[in-house]
Amino acid sequence: MKDLSLMIDDVKFNFRSGLMISKGDDILVECNPNIDFVILPGGRVKTLESTLEALKREIKEEMGIILKDEEVKFISIIENFFELDNKKYHELYFLYKLNVKDDKRFKKDMKNMDSKQSYYKWVNKNKLKEVNLLPEVLIETINSINISHFINKDL
């Protein structure tokens, strides 16, 4: 199966699934020293794969963690339009949430097993703007108790 990521005209379309992992007031973010923003764990959905299946696969590939369906809760859809490295993107982003307390699966200094440079760190939810979590509308979903739909146009 292939990633649902393709060029249409001069725009790259991505279909992604992400996970907001919260531990008290902290959120787990993925960092890469070569970029000036952070993202939530997750990745692209493949053909014939649901967003939940994609999320579970990505977390297993990148973190070595097996998630159960009942652990995660769907919380948001983001229609994300942005430009990166002079390329326009149109992205559908399905967001899930996982609350952890003393879950030993999520260690302090975790490396992304699917990348040589990426790693994960806990960031206080009040400092997410400072670390430049993208897309920014993710910050609005942290305290939301309802399922939300956002359209983020940064073009």
C-alpha atoms as a PDB file:
ATOM      1  CA  MET A   1       0.000   0.000   0.000  1.00  0.00           C
ATOM      2  CA  LYS A   2       1.189   3.520  -0.753  1.00  0.00           C
ATOM      3  CA  ASP A   3       0.983   6.767   1.195  1.00  0.00           C
ATOM      4  CA  LEU A   4      -1.942   8.974   0.235  1.00  0.00           C
ATOM      5  CA  SER A   5       0.370  11.777  -0.802  1.00  0.00           C
ATOM      6  CA  LEU A   6       0.317  13.030  -4.381  1.00  0.00           C
ATOM      7  CA  MET A   7       0.933  16.038  -6.569  1.00  0.00           C
ATOM      8  CA  ILE A   8      -2.117  17.672  -8.144  1.00  0.00           C
ATOM      9  CA  ASP A   9      -1.227  20.595 -10.388  1.00  0.00           C
ATOM     10  CA  ASP A  10       1.454  22.352  -8.322  1.00  0.00           C
ATOM     11  CA  VAL A  11      -0.030  21.367  -4.928  1.00  0.00           C
ATOM     12  CA  LYS A  12       0.960  18.379  -2.791  1.00  0.00           C
ATOM     13  CA  PHE A  13      -2.002  16.605  -1.195  1.00  0.00           C
ATOM     14  CA  ASN A  14      -1.416  14.696   2.057  1.00  0.00           C
ATOM     15  CA  PHE A  15      -3.820  12.567   4.085  1.00  0.00           C
ATOM     16  CA  ARG A  16      -2.461  12.341   7.636  1.00  0.00           C
ATOM     17  CA  SER A  17      -3.334  11.020  11.061  1.00  0.00           C
ATOM     18  CA  GLY A  18      -1.837  12.382  14.291  1.00  0.00           C
ATOM     19  CA  LEU A  19      -1.893  11.688  18.009  1.00  0.00           C
ATOM     20  CA  MET A  20      -1.974  14.243  20.798  1.00  0.00           C
ATOM     21  CA  ILE A  21      -0.459  12.420  23.779  1.00  0.00           C
ATOM     22  CA  SER A  22      -1.045  14.298  27.010  1.00  0.00           C
ATOM     23  CA  LYS A  23       0.414  13.634  30.436  1.00  0.00           C
ATOM     24  CA  GLY A  24      -0.973  16.122  32.934  1.00  0.00           C
ATOM     25  CA  ASP A  25      -0.158  19.546  31.474  1.00  0.00           C
ATOM     26  CA  ASP A  26       2.443  18.180  29.044  1.00  0.00           C
ATOM     27  CA  ILE A  27       2.088  17.208  25.375  1.00  0.00           C
ATOM     28  CA  LEU A  28       4.495  14.886  23.555  1.00  0.00           C
ATOM     29  CA  VAL A  29       5.903  16.510  20.408  1.00  0.00           C
ATOM     30  CA  GLU A  30       8.247  15.311  17.690  1.00  0.00           C
ATOM     31  CA  CYS A  31      11.333  17.449  17.121  1.00  0.00           C
ATOM     32  CA  ASN A  32      13.923  17.540  14.369  1.00  0.00           C
ATOM     33  CA  PRO A  33      17.015  19.745  14.763  1.00  0.00           C
ATOM     34  CA  ASN A  34      16.883  20.642  11.042  1.00  0.00           C
ATOM     35  CA  ILE A  35      13.457  22.325  11.165  1.00  0.00           C
ATOM     36  CA  ASP A  36      12.139  25.251  13.208  1.00  0.00           C
ATOM     37  CA  PHE A  37       8.821  23.739  14.242  1.00  0.00           C
ATOM     38  CA  VAL A  38       7.525  20.636  16.032  1.00  0.00           C
ATOM     39  CA  ILE A  39       4.692  18.264  15.143  1.00  0.00           C
ATOM     40  CA  LEU A  40       2.602  15.640  16.874  1.00  0.00           C
ATOM     41  CA  PRO A  41       3.438  11.950  16.419  1.00  0.00           C
ATOM     42  CA  GLY A  42       1.732  10.287  13.460  1.00  0.00           C
ATOM     43  CA  GLY A  43       2.051  10.220   9.707  1.00  0.00           C
ATOM     44  CA  ARG A  44       0.479   9.593   6.344  1.00  0.00           C
ATOM     45  CA  VAL A  45      -2.472   7.300   5.783  1.00  0.00           C
ATOM     46  CA  LYS A  46      -1.913   4.554   3.189  1.00  0.00           C
ATOM     47  CA  THR A  47      -4.387   3.390   0.555  1.00  0.00           C
ATOM     48  CA  LEU A  48      -7.169   1.193   1.980  1.00  0.00           C
ATOM     49  CA  GLU A  49      -6.137   2.112   5.548  1.00  0.00           C
ATOM     50  CA  SER A  50      -8.344   3.906   8.065  1.00  0.00           C
ATOM     51  CA  THR A  51      -6.995   6.903   9.955  1.00  0.00           C
ATOM     52  CA  LEU A  52      -6.962   4.845  13.172  1.00  0.00           C
ATOM     53  CA  GLU A  53      -5.088   1.975  11.490  1.00  0.00           C
ATOM     54  CA  ALA A  54      -2.581   4.479  10.093  1.00  0.00           C
ATOM     55  CA  LEU A  55      -2.088   6.069  13.492  1.00  0.00           C
ATOM     56  CA  LYS A  56      -1.487   2.728  15.210  1.00  0.00           C
ATOM     57  CA  ARG A  57       0.953   1.681  12.452  1.00  0.00           C
ATOM     58  CA  GLU A  58       2.881   4.968  12.594  1.00  0.00           C
ATOM     59  CA  ILE A  59       3.169   4.908  16.407  1.00  0.00           C
ATOM     60  CA  LYS A  60       4.440   1.322  16.254  1.00  0.00           C
ATOM     61  CA  GLU A  61       6.963   2.134  13.486  1.00  0.00           C
ATOM     62  CA  GLU A  62       8.228   5.363  15.043  1.00  0.00           C
ATOM     63  CA  MET A  63       7.957   4.666  18.769  1.00  0.00           C
ATOM     64  CA  GLY A  64       7.730   0.890  19.069  1.00  0.00           C
ATOM     65  CA  ILE A  65       4.449   1.273  20.971  1.00  0.00           C
ATOM     66  CA  ILE A  66       1.338  -0.799  20.303  1.00  0.00           C
ATOM     67  CA  LEU A  67      -1.877   1.148  20.818  1.00  0.00           C
ATOM     68  CA  LYS A  68      -5.278  -0.375  21.465  1.00  0.00           C
ATOM     69  CA  ASP A  69      -8.317   1.076  19.699  1.00  0.00           C
ATOM     70  CA  GLU A  70     -10.037   1.897  22.994  1.00  0.00           C
ATOM     71  CA  GLU A  71      -7.028   3.909  24.256  1.00  0.00           C
ATOM     72  CA  VAL A  72      -7.388   6.684  21.705  1.00  0.00           C
ATOM     73  CA  LYS A  73     -10.245   9.070  21.089  1.00  0.00           C
ATOM     74  CA  PHE A  74     -10.939  10.914  17.833  1.00  0.00           C
ATOM     75  CA  ILE A  75     -11.035  14.659  18.532  1.00  0.00           C
ATOM     76  CA  SER A  76     -10.607  16.715  15.366  1.00  0.00           C
ATOM     77  CA  ILE A  77     -10.316  17.079  11.617  1.00  0.00           C
ATOM     78  CA  ILE A  78      -8.096  19.832  10.312  1.00  0.00           C
ATOM     79  CA  GLU A  79      -8.166  20.990   6.712  1.00  0.00           C
ATOM     80  CA  ASN A  80      -4.643  22.347   6.506  1.00  0.00           C
ATOM     81  CA  PHE A  81      -3.390  24.569   3.689  1.00  0.00           C
ATOM     82  CA  PHE A  82       0.199  25.783   3.930  1.00  0.00           C
ATOM     83  CA  GLU A  83       3.438  26.457   2.103  1.00  0.00           C
ATOM     84  CA  LEU A  84       6.754  24.832   2.998  1.00  0.00           C
ATOM     85  CA  ASP A  85      10.000  25.168   1.044  1.00  0.00           C
ATOM     86  CA  ASN A  86       8.187  27.028  -1.756  1.00  0.00           C
ATOM     87  CA  LYS A  87       5.699  24.177  -2.201  1.00  0.00           C
ATOM     88  CA  LYS A  88       1.961  24.484  -1.527  1.00  0.00           C
ATOM     89  CA  TYR A  89       0.243  21.772   0.507  1.00  0.00           C
ATOM     90  CA  HIS A  90      -3.368  20.714   0.933  1.00  0.00           C
ATOM     91  CA  GLU A  91      -3.665  18.341   3.860  1.00  0.00           C
ATOM     92  CA  LEU A  92      -6.480  16.474   5.584  1.00  0.00           C
ATOM     93  CA  TYR A  93      -5.371  15.786   9.153  1.00  0.00           C
ATOM     94  CA  PHE A  94      -7.333  13.469  11.449  1.00  0.00           C
ATOM     95  CA  LEU A  95      -6.375  13.999  15.082  1.00  0.00           C
ATOM     96  CA  TYR A  96      -6.730  11.546  17.954  1.00  0.00           C
ATOM     97  CA  LYS A  97      -5.951  11.981  21.654  1.00  0.00           C
ATOM     98  CA  LEU A  98      -4.398   9.713  24.272  1.00  0.00           C
ATOM     99  CA  ASN A  99      -4.179  10.637  27.958  1.00  0.00           C
ATOM    100  CA  VAL A 100      -1.416   8.894  29.891  1.00  0.00           C
ATOM    101  CA  LYS A 101      -0.419   9.076  33.538  1.00  0.00           C
ATOM    102  CA  ASP A 102       2.294   6.653  34.582  1.00  0.00           C
ATOM    103  CA  ASP A 103       2.463   4.846  31.254  1.00  0.00           C
ATOM    104  CA  LYS A 104       5.989   3.415  31.034  1.00  0.00           C
ATOM    105  CA  ARG A 105       5.691   3.028  27.240  1.00  0.00           C
ATOM    106  CA  PHE A 106       6.285   6.779  26.832  1.00  0.00           C
ATOM    107  CA  LYS A 107       9.810   7.405  28.099  1.00  0.00           C
ATOM    108  CA  LYS A 108      11.442  10.789  28.684  1.00  0.00           C
ATOM    109  CA  ASP A 109      14.007  10.847  25.862  1.00  0.00           C
ATOM    110  CA  MET A 110      12.531   8.778  23.054  1.00  0.00           C
ATOM    111  CA  LYS A 111      14.074   8.659  19.593  1.00  0.00           C
ATOM    112  CA  ASN A 112      12.017   8.260  16.444  1.00  0.00           C
ATOM    113  CA  MET A 113      12.902   4.727  15.339  1.00  0.00           C
ATOM    114  CA  ASP A 114      11.989   5.611  11.733  1.00  0.00           C
ATOM    115  CA  SER A 115      14.309   8.653  11.534  1.00  0.00           C
ATOM    116  CA  LYS A 116      17.961   9.281  12.312  1.00  0.00           C
ATOM    117  CA  GLN A 117      17.389  12.815  13.613  1.00  0.00           C
ATOM    118  CA  SER A 118      13.869  13.070  15.034  1.00  0.00           C
ATOM    119  CA  TYR A 119      13.118  12.616  18.715  1.00  0.00           C
ATOM    120  CA  TYR A 120      10.239  13.212  21.127  1.00  0.00           C
ATOM    121  CA  LYS A 121       9.999  15.502  24.119  1.00  0.00           C
ATOM    122  CA  TRP A 122       7.344  16.580  26.596  1.00  0.00           C
ATOM    123  CA  VAL A 123       6.323  20.254  26.379  1.00  0.00           C
ATOM    124  CA  ASN A 124       4.003  22.093  28.752  1.00  0.00           C
ATOM    125  CA  LYS A 125       0.787  22.940  26.904  1.00  0.00           C
ATOM    126  CA  ASN A 126       1.309  26.640  27.704  1.00  0.00           C
ATOM    127  CA  LYS A 127       4.660  26.591  25.845  1.00  0.00           C
ATOM    128  CA  LEU A 128       3.496  25.001  22.583  1.00  0.00           C
ATOM    129  CA  LYS A 129       3.567  28.340  20.748  1.00  0.00           C
ATOM    130  CA  GLU A 130       7.159  28.853  21.897  1.00  0.00           C
ATOM    131  CA  VAL A 131       8.270  25.545  20.328  1.00  0.00           C
ATOM    132  CA  ASN A 132       6.200  26.384  17.215  1.00  0.00           C
ATOM    133  CA  LEU A 133       3.762  23.449  17.140  1.00  0.00           C
ATOM    134  CA  LEU A 134       2.258  23.237  13.659  1.00  0.00           C
ATOM    135  CA  PRO A 135      -0.405  23.599  12.571  1.00  0.00           C
ATOM    136  CA  GLU A 136      -1.117  26.199  15.252  1.00  0.00           C
ATOM    137  CA  VAL A 137      -4.810  25.256  15.436  1.00  0.00           C
ATOM    138  CA  LEU A 138      -3.693  22.098  17.265  1.00  0.00           C
ATOM    139  CA  ILE A 139      -3.216  24.256  20.346  1.00  0.00           C
ATOM    140  CA  GLU A 140      -6.938  25.073  20.313  1.00  0.00           C
ATOM    141  CA  THR A 141      -7.851  21.378  20.472  1.00  0.00           C
ATOM    142  CA  ILE A 142      -5.965  20.689  23.706  1.00  0.00           C
ATOM    143  CA  ASN A 143      -8.676  21.810  26.100  1.00  0.00           C
ATOM    144  CA  SER A 144     -11.612  21.161  23.805  1.00  0.00           C
ATOM    145  CA  ILE A 145     -14.144  18.639  25.048  1.00  0.00           C
ATOM    146  CA  ASN A 146     -16.028  18.497  21.751  1.00  0.00           C
ATOM    147  CA  ILE A 147     -15.071  17.073  18.399  1.00  0.00           C
ATOM    148  CA  SER A 148     -13.876  19.962  16.280  1.00  0.00           C
ATOM    149  CA  HIS A 149     -13.344  20.855  12.643  1.00  0.00           C
ATOM    150  CA  PHE A 150     -10.780  23.494  11.710  1.00  0.00           C
ATOM    151  CA  ILE A 151      -9.818  25.038   8.412  1.00  0.00           C
ATOM    152  CA  ASN A 152      -6.284  26.388   8.577  1.00  0.00           C
ATOM    153  CA  LYS A 153      -5.274  28.492   5.542  1.00  0.00           C
ATOM    154  CA  ASP A 154      -1.712  29.729   5.811  1.00  0.00           C
ATOM    155  CA  LEU A 155      -1.358  30.423   2.086  1.00  0.00           C
END
